[in-house]
N, C-alpha and C. Protein backbone atom coordinates (compact mmCIF):
# COMPACT_ATOMS: atom_id res chain seq x y z
N UNK A 1 1.06 -1.01 0.27
CA UNK A 1 0.32 -0.16 -0.21
C UNK A 1 0.89 1.15 -0.16
N UNK A 2 0.57 1.99 -1.16
CA UNK A 2 1.98 3.03 -1.19
C UNK A 2 0.77 4.53 -0.94
N UNK A 3 0.92 5.32 -0.09
CA UNK A 3 0.35 6.53 -0.37
C UNK A 3 1.13 7.55 0.66
N UNK A 4 0.76 8.51 1.03
CA UNK A 4 1.44 10.09 1.11
C UNK A 4 1.30 10.13 2.67
N UNK A 5 0.83 9.03 3.50
CA UNK A 5 0.89 9.20 5.26
C UNK A 5 2.85 8.96 5.38
N UNK A 6 2.57 9.77 6.59
CA UNK A 6 4.22 9.08 7.34
C UNK A 6 4.02 7.90 7.67
N UNK A 7 5.86 7.17 7.09
CA UNK A 7 5.84 6.19 7.62
C UNK A 7 6.67 5.88 8.49
N UNK A 8 6.53 4.46 9.13
CA UNK A 8 7.35 4.43 10.30
C UNK A 8 8.73 4.23 10.26
N UNK A 9 9.57 4.72 11.00
CA UNK A 9 11.23 5.34 10.71
C UNK A 9 12.07 4.18 9.84
N UNK A 10 11.61 2.87 10.51
CA UNK A 10 11.87 1.76 9.95
C UNK A 10 12.35 1.11 8.40
N UNK A 11 10.70 1.89 7.55
CA UNK A 11 9.97 1.37 6.69
C UNK A 11 11.12 1.90 5.33
N UNK A 12 12.00 2.95 5.57
CA UNK A 12 12.86 3.04 4.44
C UNK A 12 14.01 2.46 4.04
N UNK A 13 14.56 2.20 5.79
CA UNK A 13 15.71 1.71 5.89
C UNK A 13 15.23 -0.31 5.55
N UNK A 14 14.38 -0.96 5.95
CA UNK A 14 14.60 -1.68 5.59
C UNK A 14 13.73 -2.29 4.22
N UNK A 15 14.87 -3.11 3.55
CA UNK A 15 14.22 -3.91 2.27
C UNK A 15 13.09 -4.92 2.45
N UNK A 16 12.09 -4.81 1.43
CA UNK A 16 10.87 -5.68 1.83
C UNK A 16 11.06 -6.76 1.86
N UNK A 17 11.07 -7.56 2.80
CA UNK A 17 11.52 -8.94 3.30
C UNK A 17 10.97 -10.04 2.32
N UNK A 18 11.48 -11.11 2.74
CA UNK A 18 10.75 -12.44 1.92
C UNK A 18 9.60 -12.53 2.47
N UNK A 19 9.00 -13.67 2.00
CA UNK A 19 8.21 -14.30 2.97
C UNK A 19 8.82 -15.57 3.88
N UNK A 20 8.09 -14.99 4.66
CA UNK A 20 9.01 -16.46 6.14
C UNK A 20 8.98 -18.20 5.42
N UNK A 21 10.28 -18.60 5.70
CA UNK A 21 10.19 -19.71 4.68
C UNK A 21 9.01 -21.02 5.57
N UNK A 22 8.76 -21.73 5.02
CA UNK A 22 7.62 -22.73 4.91
C UNK A 22 8.28 -23.22 6.38
N UNK A 23 9.41 -23.80 6.95
CA UNK A 23 9.86 -23.84 8.21
C UNK A 23 10.14 -23.31 9.38
N UNK A 24 9.55 -21.86 9.15
CA UNK A 24 9.77 -20.18 10.27
C UNK A 24 9.08 -20.39 11.39
N UNK A 25 9.92 -20.04 12.44
CA UNK A 25 8.70 -20.06 13.48
C UNK A 25 7.65 -19.14 13.33
N UNK A 26 6.44 -19.90 14.20
CA UNK A 26 5.06 -19.69 13.49
C UNK A 26 4.31 -19.72 14.42
N UNK A 27 3.09 -19.01 15.18
CA UNK A 27 1.87 -19.00 16.19
C UNK A 27 1.14 -18.49 15.12
N UNK A 28 0.21 -19.76 15.52
CA UNK A 28 -1.43 -19.28 14.80
C UNK A 28 -2.67 -19.55 15.62
N UNK A 29 -3.62 -18.58 15.63
CA UNK A 29 -4.50 -19.31 16.78
C UNK A 29 -5.50 -18.36 16.11
N UNK A 30 -6.99 -20.06 16.31
CA UNK A 30 -7.95 -19.48 15.88
C UNK A 30 -9.28 -18.50 16.40
N UNK A 31 -9.99 -17.60 16.57
CA UNK A 31 -10.44 -17.37 17.68
C UNK A 31 -12.12 -16.63 17.11
N UNK A 32 -13.03 -17.21 17.87
CA UNK A 32 -14.32 -17.22 17.70
C UNK A 32 -14.73 -15.47 17.24
N UNK A 33 -15.93 -15.17 16.60
CA UNK A 33 -15.93 -13.37 15.66
C UNK A 33 -16.47 -12.59 16.84
N UNK A 34 -15.83 -12.32 17.91
CA UNK A 34 -16.39 -12.20 19.25
C UNK A 34 -15.67 -10.61 19.17
N UNK A 35 -16.15 -9.44 19.64
CA UNK A 35 -14.85 -8.56 19.91
C UNK A 35 -14.50 -8.76 21.21
N UNK A 36 -14.86 -9.11 21.99
CA UNK A 36 -13.88 -9.51 23.00
C UNK A 36 -12.43 -10.35 22.81
N UNK A 37 -12.83 -10.86 21.64
CA UNK A 37 -11.53 -11.84 21.60
C UNK A 37 -10.27 -10.85 21.15
N UNK A 38 -10.29 -9.58 20.81
CA UNK A 38 -9.18 -8.95 20.68
C UNK A 38 -8.60 -8.86 21.67
N UNK A 39 -9.01 -8.71 22.98
CA UNK A 39 -8.32 -8.58 23.78
C UNK A 39 -7.33 -10.07 24.27
N UNK A 40 -8.23 -10.50 24.35
CA UNK A 40 -7.43 -12.31 24.57
C UNK A 40 -6.37 -12.30 23.06
N UNK A 41 -6.95 -12.01 22.06
CA UNK A 41 -5.81 -11.65 20.70
C UNK A 41 -4.64 -10.77 21.49
N UNK A 42 -4.83 -9.51 22.21
CA UNK A 42 -3.45 -8.42 22.47
C UNK A 42 -2.86 -9.19 23.89
N UNK A 43 -3.49 -10.11 24.12
CA UNK A 43 -2.94 -10.89 25.78
C UNK A 43 -1.81 -11.75 25.81
N UNK A 44 -2.30 -12.60 24.37
CA UNK A 44 -1.68 -13.54 23.79
C UNK A 44 -0.27 -12.74 23.39
N UNK A 45 0.05 -11.97 22.33
CA UNK A 45 0.64 -11.85 21.48
C UNK A 45 1.38 -11.39 22.61
N UNK A 46 1.20 -10.10 23.85
CA UNK A 46 2.02 -9.79 24.86
C UNK A 46 3.07 -10.51 25.34
N UNK A 47 2.01 -11.83 25.68
CA UNK A 47 2.84 -13.01 26.18
C UNK A 47 3.60 -13.78 25.90
N UNK A 48 3.93 -13.79 24.18
CA UNK A 48 4.51 -14.62 23.33
C UNK A 48 5.68 -13.48 23.06
N UNK A 49 5.03 -12.44 22.59
CA UNK A 49 6.53 -11.50 22.05
C UNK A 49 7.81 -10.78 23.04
N UNK A 50 8.99 -11.32 22.77
CA UNK A 50 9.73 -10.33 23.35
C UNK A 50 9.79 -8.66 23.25
N UNK A 51 9.73 -8.58 24.50
CA UNK A 51 10.40 -6.73 24.79
C UNK A 51 10.72 -6.69 23.56
N UNK A 52 10.83 -5.77 22.62
CA UNK A 52 11.31 -4.82 21.56
C UNK A 52 10.83 -3.88 21.45
N UNK A 53 11.33 -2.76 20.16
CA UNK A 53 10.43 -2.09 19.38
C UNK A 53 9.59 -2.43 18.62
N UNK A 54 9.61 -3.51 17.97
CA UNK A 54 8.73 -3.62 16.96
C UNK A 54 7.67 -4.64 18.22
N UNK A 55 7.73 -4.84 19.23
CA UNK A 55 6.74 -5.69 19.91
C UNK A 55 5.16 -5.00 19.87
N UNK A 56 4.99 -3.66 20.09
CA UNK A 56 3.83 -2.62 20.02
C UNK A 56 3.50 -2.46 19.21
N UNK A 57 4.24 -2.91 17.81
CA UNK A 57 3.61 -2.54 16.14
C UNK A 57 2.92 -3.54 15.73
N UNK A 58 3.99 -5.13 15.87
CA UNK A 58 3.07 -6.38 15.52
C UNK A 58 1.92 -6.20 16.18
N UNK A 59 1.69 -5.98 17.98
CA UNK A 59 0.16 -5.82 18.33
C UNK A 59 -0.69 -5.08 17.91
N UNK A 60 -0.26 -3.71 17.70
CA UNK A 60 -1.19 -3.12 17.44
C UNK A 60 -1.75 -3.29 15.98
N UNK A 61 -0.73 -3.59 15.03
CA UNK A 61 -1.15 -4.57 13.46
C UNK A 61 -2.52 -5.41 13.45
N UNK A 62 -1.52 -6.26 14.52
CA UNK A 62 -2.70 -7.72 14.28
C UNK A 62 -4.09 -7.39 14.54
N UNK A 63 -4.50 -6.51 15.84
CA UNK A 63 -5.51 -6.12 16.65
C UNK A 63 -5.88 -5.27 15.18
N UNK A 64 -5.50 -4.38 14.69
CA UNK A 64 -6.67 -3.77 13.88
C UNK A 64 -6.86 -4.62 12.72
N UNK A 65 -6.61 -5.65 12.02
CA UNK A 65 -6.37 -6.07 11.02
C UNK A 65 -7.64 -6.97 11.67
N UNK A 66 -7.01 -7.57 12.50
CA UNK A 66 -8.76 -8.58 13.67
C UNK A 66 -9.42 -7.59 14.03
N UNK A 67 -9.78 -6.59 13.91
CA UNK A 67 -11.05 -5.84 14.30
C UNK A 67 -11.84 -5.61 12.84
N UNK A 68 -10.65 -4.99 11.75
CA UNK A 68 -11.50 -4.89 10.39
C UNK A 68 -12.37 -6.19 10.21
N UNK A 69 -11.79 -7.31 10.28
CA UNK A 69 -12.47 -8.71 9.94
C UNK A 69 -13.88 -8.75 10.47
N UNK A 70 -13.65 -8.66 12.35
CA UNK A 70 -15.07 -8.51 12.93
C UNK A 70 -15.75 -7.64 12.16
N UNK A 71 -15.61 -6.06 11.84
CA UNK A 71 -16.54 -5.13 11.63
C UNK A 71 -16.72 -5.71 10.40
N UNK A 72 -16.08 -5.82 9.06
CA UNK A 72 -16.29 -5.70 7.91
C UNK A 72 -16.65 -7.24 7.31
N UNK A 73 -16.67 -8.16 8.01
CA UNK A 73 -15.98 -9.50 7.31
C UNK A 73 -17.41 -10.76 8.16
N UNK A 74 -17.74 -11.69 7.33
CA UNK A 74 -18.83 -12.60 8.01
C UNK A 74 -17.74 -13.46 9.52
N UNK A 75 -16.61 -12.99 9.68
CA UNK A 75 -16.36 -13.49 10.80
C UNK A 75 -16.99 -12.69 12.01
N UNK A 76 -17.51 -11.46 12.15
CA UNK A 76 -17.99 -10.59 12.98
C UNK A 76 -19.19 -11.09 12.99
N UNK A 77 -20.19 -11.86 12.38
CA UNK A 77 -21.48 -12.04 12.22
C UNK A 77 -21.55 -13.74 12.67
N UNK A 78 -20.53 -14.21 13.55
CA UNK A 78 -20.64 -15.42 14.07
C UNK A 78 -19.85 -16.17 13.64
N UNK A 79 -18.94 -16.03 12.78
CA UNK A 79 -18.03 -16.50 12.15
C UNK A 79 -16.56 -16.79 13.04
N UNK A 80 -15.24 -16.97 12.65
CA UNK A 80 -14.45 -16.91 13.15
C UNK A 80 -13.35 -16.29 12.11
N UNK A 81 -12.29 -15.93 13.24
CA UNK A 81 -10.89 -14.96 12.31
C UNK A 81 -9.69 -16.01 12.85
N UNK A 82 -8.85 -16.19 12.11
CA UNK A 82 -7.74 -17.03 12.62
C UNK A 82 -6.82 -15.59 12.16
N UNK A 83 -5.18 -16.03 13.51
CA UNK A 83 -4.24 -14.61 13.10
C UNK A 83 -2.95 -15.63 13.35
N UNK A 84 -1.87 -15.40 12.46
CA UNK A 84 -0.92 -16.14 12.58
C UNK A 84 0.19 -15.01 12.08
N UNK A 85 1.10 -15.52 13.09
CA UNK A 85 2.54 -14.60 13.10
C UNK A 85 3.98 -15.67 13.20
N UNK A 86 4.51 -15.26 11.68
CA UNK A 86 5.45 -15.74 11.14
C UNK A 86 7.13 -14.84 11.18
N UNK A 87 8.05 -15.43 12.00
CA UNK A 87 9.27 -14.28 11.99
C UNK A 87 10.16 -15.01 10.94
N UNK A 88 10.48 -13.64 10.12
CA UNK A 88 11.68 -13.94 9.21
C UNK A 88 12.63 -13.33 9.76
N UNK A 89 13.95 -13.07 8.50
CA UNK A 89 14.74 -12.59 9.20
C UNK A 89 15.38 -11.38 9.78
N UNK A 90 14.07 -10.25 8.91
CA UNK A 90 14.63 -8.95 9.65
C UNK A 90 12.52 -8.45 9.51
N UNK A 91 12.09 -9.22 9.76
CA UNK A 91 10.72 -8.90 9.78
C UNK A 91 9.76 -9.69 10.17
N UNK A 92 8.75 -9.68 10.97
CA UNK A 92 7.82 -10.84 11.65
C UNK A 92 6.50 -10.19 10.47
N UNK A 93 5.92 -11.15 9.75
CA UNK A 93 4.53 -11.16 8.80
C UNK A 93 3.34 -11.57 10.04
N UNK A 94 2.36 -10.70 9.75
CA UNK A 94 1.37 -10.67 11.24
C UNK A 94 -0.29 -11.04 9.96
N UNK A 95 -0.89 -12.29 9.82
CA UNK A 95 -1.69 -12.23 8.20
C UNK A 95 -3.44 -12.46 9.78
N UNK A 96 -3.94 -11.94 9.13
CA UNK A 96 -5.57 -12.35 10.02
C UNK A 96 -6.08 -13.03 8.76
N UNK A 97 -6.78 -14.13 8.87
CA UNK A 97 -8.09 -14.88 7.72
C UNK A 97 -9.23 -14.87 7.79
N UNK A 98 -9.96 -14.22 7.29
CA UNK A 98 -11.38 -13.83 8.02
C UNK A 98 -12.56 -14.73 6.97
N UNK A 99 -13.46 -14.16 6.92
CA UNK A 99 -15.08 -14.96 6.50
C UNK A 99 -15.28 -14.01 5.09
N UNK A 100 -14.41 -13.25 5.15
CA UNK A 100 -14.44 -13.18 3.61
C UNK A 100 -16.11 -11.31 3.86
N UNK A 101 -16.01 -10.76 2.64
CA UNK A 101 -16.96 -9.77 2.25
C UNK A 101 -17.46 -9.86 0.96
N UNK A 102 -18.46 -8.64 0.90
CA UNK A 102 -18.91 -8.81 -0.58
C UNK A 102 -17.95 -7.87 -1.41
N UNK A 103 -17.10 -6.78 -0.62
CA UNK A 103 -16.38 -5.44 -0.86
C UNK A 103 -14.90 -5.96 -1.19
N UNK A 104 -14.23 -5.18 -1.91
CA UNK A 104 -12.79 -5.32 -1.52
C UNK A 104 -12.12 -4.59 0.08
N UNK A 105 -11.39 -4.81 0.66
CA UNK A 105 -10.99 -3.67 1.38
C UNK A 105 -10.01 -2.62 1.09
N UNK A 106 -10.11 -1.51 1.54
CA UNK A 106 -9.51 -0.11 1.35
C UNK A 106 -9.25 0.73 2.50
N UNK A 107 -8.27 1.54 2.48
CA UNK A 107 -8.03 2.06 3.09
C UNK A 107 -8.67 3.92 2.70
N UNK A 108 -9.05 4.02 3.45
CA UNK A 108 -9.81 5.57 3.80
C UNK A 108 -8.32 6.53 4.36
N UNK A 109 -8.39 7.55 2.87
CA UNK A 109 -6.92 8.26 3.77
C UNK A 109 -7.08 9.87 4.01
N UNK A 110 -8.54 9.50 4.91
CA UNK A 110 -8.61 11.04 5.28
C UNK A 110 -8.25 10.76 6.94
N UNK A 111 -7.06 11.09 7.53
CA UNK A 111 -7.24 10.76 8.51
C UNK A 111 -8.04 11.56 9.58
N UNK A 112 -8.57 12.49 9.12
CA UNK A 112 -9.11 13.44 10.30
C UNK A 112 -11.17 12.48 10.02
N UNK A 113 -10.95 11.83 9.03
CA UNK A 113 -12.08 11.14 9.33
C UNK A 113 -12.61 10.37 10.62
N UNK A 114 -14.09 10.24 10.32
CA UNK A 114 -14.22 9.75 12.46
C UNK A 114 -13.93 8.19 12.45
N UNK A 115 -13.96 7.24 11.27
CA UNK A 115 -14.18 5.98 10.87
C UNK A 115 -13.10 5.67 9.82
N UNK A 116 -12.34 4.47 9.81
CA UNK A 116 -11.62 4.12 8.53
C UNK A 116 -10.42 4.36 8.83
N UNK A 117 -9.29 5.00 9.95
CA UNK A 117 -8.28 5.34 9.98
C UNK A 117 -7.06 4.40 9.96
N UNK A 118 -7.63 3.46 10.70
CA UNK A 118 -7.13 2.20 11.41
C UNK A 118 -5.88 1.65 10.42
N UNK A 119 -6.21 1.56 9.27
CA UNK A 119 -5.11 0.92 7.86
C UNK A 119 -4.42 1.99 7.81
N UNK A 120 -4.42 3.28 7.70
CA UNK A 120 -3.16 4.32 8.02
C UNK A 120 -2.09 4.13 8.83
N UNK A 121 -2.55 3.47 9.62
CA UNK A 121 -1.50 3.34 10.94
C UNK A 121 -0.98 1.77 10.54
N UNK A 122 -1.65 0.66 9.93
CA UNK A 122 -1.42 -0.39 9.88
C UNK A 122 -0.21 -0.05 8.65
N UNK A 123 -0.46 0.69 7.79
CA UNK A 123 0.40 0.97 6.65
C UNK A 123 1.52 1.59 6.92
N UNK A 124 1.08 2.93 8.12
CA UNK A 124 2.26 3.17 8.72
C UNK A 124 3.43 2.73 9.66
N UNK A 125 3.09 1.66 9.85
CA UNK A 125 3.56 0.46 10.73
C UNK A 125 4.36 -1.13 10.34
N UNK A 126 3.90 -0.92 8.82
CA UNK A 126 4.43 -1.65 8.12
C UNK A 126 4.96 -1.58 7.27
N UNK A 127 6.20 -2.66 6.69
CA UNK A 127 7.06 -2.77 5.52
C UNK A 127 6.71 -3.33 3.94
N UNK A 128 5.51 -3.41 4.28
CA UNK A 128 4.68 -3.96 3.14
C UNK A 128 3.31 -5.09 3.75
N UNK A 129 2.35 -4.73 3.10
CA UNK A 129 1.34 -5.91 3.42
C UNK A 129 0.59 -6.05 1.58
N UNK A 130 -0.11 -6.57 2.46
CA UNK A 130 -1.32 -7.39 0.96
C UNK A 130 -2.58 -7.86 1.48
N UNK A 131 -3.11 -8.27 0.56
CA UNK A 131 -4.37 -9.11 0.65
C UNK A 131 -4.62 -10.04 -0.58
N UNK A 132 -5.69 -11.70 0.07
CA UNK A 132 -5.81 -12.44 -0.83
C UNK A 132 -7.15 -12.42 -0.53
N UNK A 133 -7.75 -13.47 -1.44
CA UNK A 133 -9.03 -13.96 -1.53
C UNK A 133 -10.56 -12.95 -2.09
N UNK A 134 -11.87 -13.27 -1.56
CA UNK A 134 -12.57 -12.75 -2.16
C UNK A 134 -13.81 -13.07 -1.20
N UNK A 135 -15.18 -12.49 -1.76
CA UNK A 135 -16.44 -13.07 -0.42
C UNK A 135 -16.26 -13.94 0.13
N UNK A 136 -15.58 -15.32 -0.05
CA UNK A 136 -15.95 -16.74 0.74
C UNK A 136 -14.90 -16.24 1.71
N UNK A 137 -13.65 -15.98 1.74
CA UNK A 137 -12.58 -15.35 2.67
C UNK A 137 -11.20 -14.49 1.89
N UNK A 138 -10.50 -13.77 2.97
CA UNK A 138 -9.52 -13.12 2.61
C UNK A 138 -8.42 -13.74 3.58
N UNK A 139 -6.64 -13.21 3.16
CA UNK A 139 -6.75 -13.17 4.14
C UNK A 139 -5.72 -12.08 3.50
N UNK A 140 -5.56 -10.97 5.03
CA UNK A 140 -4.71 -9.99 4.88
C UNK A 140 -3.45 -9.84 5.75
N UNK A 141 -2.88 -8.91 5.36
CA UNK A 141 -1.25 -9.44 6.20
C UNK A 141 -0.43 -8.28 5.88
N UNK A 142 0.41 -8.30 6.61
CA UNK A 142 1.34 -6.95 6.98
C UNK A 142 2.84 -7.51 7.57
N UNK A 143 3.86 -6.98 7.00
CA UNK A 143 5.02 -7.24 7.56
C UNK A 143 5.98 -6.00 8.28
N UNK A 144 6.05 -6.61 9.51
CA UNK A 144 6.33 -5.20 10.36
C UNK A 144 8.24 -5.87 10.43
N UNK A 145 8.51 -4.38 10.45
CA UNK A 145 10.44 -4.64 10.87
C UNK A 145 10.70 -5.50 12.14
N UNK A 146 11.13 -6.44 12.57
CA UNK A 146 11.89 -6.69 13.55
C UNK A 146 13.37 -6.71 13.76
N UNK A 147 13.60 -6.20 14.96
CA UNK A 147 14.86 -5.65 15.12
C UNK A 147 15.85 -6.78 15.27
N UNK A 148 15.92 -7.67 15.33
CA UNK A 148 16.43 -8.85 14.95
C UNK A 148 16.58 -9.80 16.10
N UNK A 149 15.74 -9.40 17.37
CA UNK A 149 16.03 -10.34 18.62
C UNK A 149 14.92 -11.60 18.29
N UNK A 150 15.86 -12.74 18.92
CA UNK A 150 15.17 -14.09 19.21
C UNK A 150 13.57 -14.11 18.83
N UNK A 151 12.70 -14.90 18.53
CA UNK A 151 11.56 -14.39 18.14
C UNK A 151 11.26 -16.07 19.70
N UNK A 152 10.51 -15.82 20.04
CA UNK A 152 9.70 -16.50 21.14
C UNK A 152 9.82 -18.45 20.58
N UNK A 153 9.96 -18.99 21.44
CA UNK A 153 9.58 -20.22 21.79
C UNK A 153 8.16 -20.36 20.93
N UNK A 154 8.02 -20.50 19.87
CA UNK A 154 7.21 -21.44 20.03
C UNK A 154 6.38 -22.29 18.88
N UNK A 155 5.94 -22.99 18.43
CA UNK A 155 5.51 -24.20 17.35
C UNK A 155 5.89 -23.76 16.34
N UNK A 156 6.61 -24.56 15.44
CA UNK A 156 6.82 -24.74 13.97
C UNK A 156 5.46 -25.22 13.11
N UNK A 157 5.16 -24.53 12.21
CA UNK A 157 3.86 -25.10 11.19
C UNK A 157 4.64 -25.65 10.22
N UNK A 158 3.97 -26.75 9.10
CA UNK A 158 4.73 -27.44 8.13
C UNK A 158 3.28 -26.28 7.05
N UNK A 159 2.62 -25.87 7.79
CA UNK A 159 1.64 -25.54 6.54
C UNK A 159 1.36 -24.36 6.57
N UNK A 160 2.32 -23.08 5.87
CA UNK A 160 2.16 -21.82 5.97
C UNK A 160 0.33 -21.65 5.31
N UNK A 161 -0.57 -22.10 4.92
CA UNK A 161 -1.73 -21.56 4.71
C UNK A 161 -2.73 -22.35 5.04
N UNK A 162 -2.50 -22.71 6.05
CA UNK A 162 -3.78 -23.74 6.64
C UNK A 162 -4.77 -22.19 7.42
N UNK A 163 -4.24 -21.29 7.66
CA UNK A 163 -5.70 -20.27 8.49
C UNK A 163 -6.36 -20.05 7.21
N UNK A 164 -5.85 -19.80 6.33
CA UNK A 164 -6.19 -19.01 5.02
C UNK A 164 -6.82 -20.27 4.52
N UNK A 165 -7.05 -21.74 3.92
CA UNK A 165 -7.13 -22.78 3.44
C UNK A 165 -8.24 -22.82 4.34
N UNK A 166 -9.01 -22.73 5.76
CA UNK A 166 -10.04 -22.80 6.61
C UNK A 166 -11.27 -22.07 5.48
N UNK A 167 -10.98 -21.11 5.10
CA UNK A 167 -11.80 -20.30 4.18
C UNK A 167 -11.99 -20.52 3.17
N UNK A 168 -11.10 -21.26 2.44
CA UNK A 168 -11.47 -21.59 0.86
C UNK A 168 -10.57 -21.16 0.65
N UNK A 169 -9.13 -19.97 0.66
CA UNK A 169 -8.36 -19.46 0.07
C UNK A 169 -7.25 -19.95 -0.37
N UNK A 170 -6.36 -20.03 -1.16
CA UNK A 170 -5.06 -20.18 -1.51
C UNK A 170 -3.88 -19.70 -0.45
N UNK A 171 -3.35 -20.39 -0.32
CA UNK A 171 -2.22 -19.44 0.32
C UNK A 171 -1.23 -18.99 -0.66
N UNK A 172 -0.94 -17.52 -0.74
CA UNK A 172 -0.18 -17.00 -1.97
C UNK A 172 1.25 -17.15 -1.05
N UNK A 173 1.90 -18.02 -0.94
CA UNK A 173 3.55 -17.96 -0.70
C UNK A 173 4.42 -16.60 -0.97
N UNK A 174 4.17 -15.75 -1.67
CA UNK A 174 4.90 -14.38 -1.78
C UNK A 174 4.01 -13.69 -2.52
N UNK A 175 3.03 -13.23 -1.31
CA UNK A 175 2.29 -12.23 -2.36
C UNK A 175 2.74 -11.21 -2.69
N UNK A 176 2.44 -10.32 -4.07
CA UNK A 176 3.14 -9.22 -4.41
C UNK A 176 2.71 -7.77 -3.84
N UNK A 177 4.15 -7.24 -3.56
CA UNK A 177 3.36 -5.58 -3.16
C UNK A 177 2.64 -4.98 -3.44
N UNK A 178 0.92 -4.25 -3.16
CA UNK A 178 0.61 -3.72 -3.51
C UNK A 178 0.77 -2.05 -3.37
N UNK A 179 0.57 -1.86 -4.78
CA UNK A 179 1.02 -0.58 -4.79
C UNK A 179 -0.26 0.63 -4.67
N UNK A 180 -1.43 -0.17 -4.83
CA UNK A 180 -2.49 0.74 -4.12
C UNK A 180 -3.17 -0.17 -3.17
N UNK A 181 -3.35 1.17 -2.53
CA UNK A 181 -4.72 0.67 -0.80
C UNK A 181 -5.29 -0.57 -1.33
N UNK A 182 -4.83 -1.46 -0.64
CA UNK A 182 -5.44 -3.14 -0.12
C UNK A 182 -6.43 -3.41 0.45
N UNK A 183 -6.32 -3.02 1.82
CA UNK A 183 -6.49 -3.84 3.24
C UNK A 183 -7.70 -2.67 3.91
N UNK A 184 -8.62 -3.04 4.08
CA UNK A 184 -9.94 -2.12 5.13
C UNK A 184 -9.97 -2.41 6.06
């Protein structure tokens, strides 16, 4: 998502990272589509992530993407959403799989708007973002610069697309960089 909003200080200095390898360290959890689960997500990530400069950015991005899944997709109407965090060499990828919606996600570029500014935050905290899927389910992801600290001890996943495939999506292992606003 390229736009004229202020960038995270590390954004320009970090080369867009490769997608974490299939054997990368990952954490994944499926949540009921209820607003109270956002607090559960935040607490889970806070206990999982080592204290470092990027920790709050990862938690903020994950919470915003999950909040959008609840507000704008079938996930928030009795469905589920899944969150995955995967560590690469220079970035952490946060992905949220949802139940889909009839419209494409999009960024509202007006920082003074009453609603819709969360994706400006996601864009500002991320070095790269993207979206895949359709009305049956979407995977929205963001790469956040990671300062090189060791990731937490969590399980490795053999299937990086498992969360997305639960909603009938294909798991794009190297989604293209979105040149235009792509997530809502």
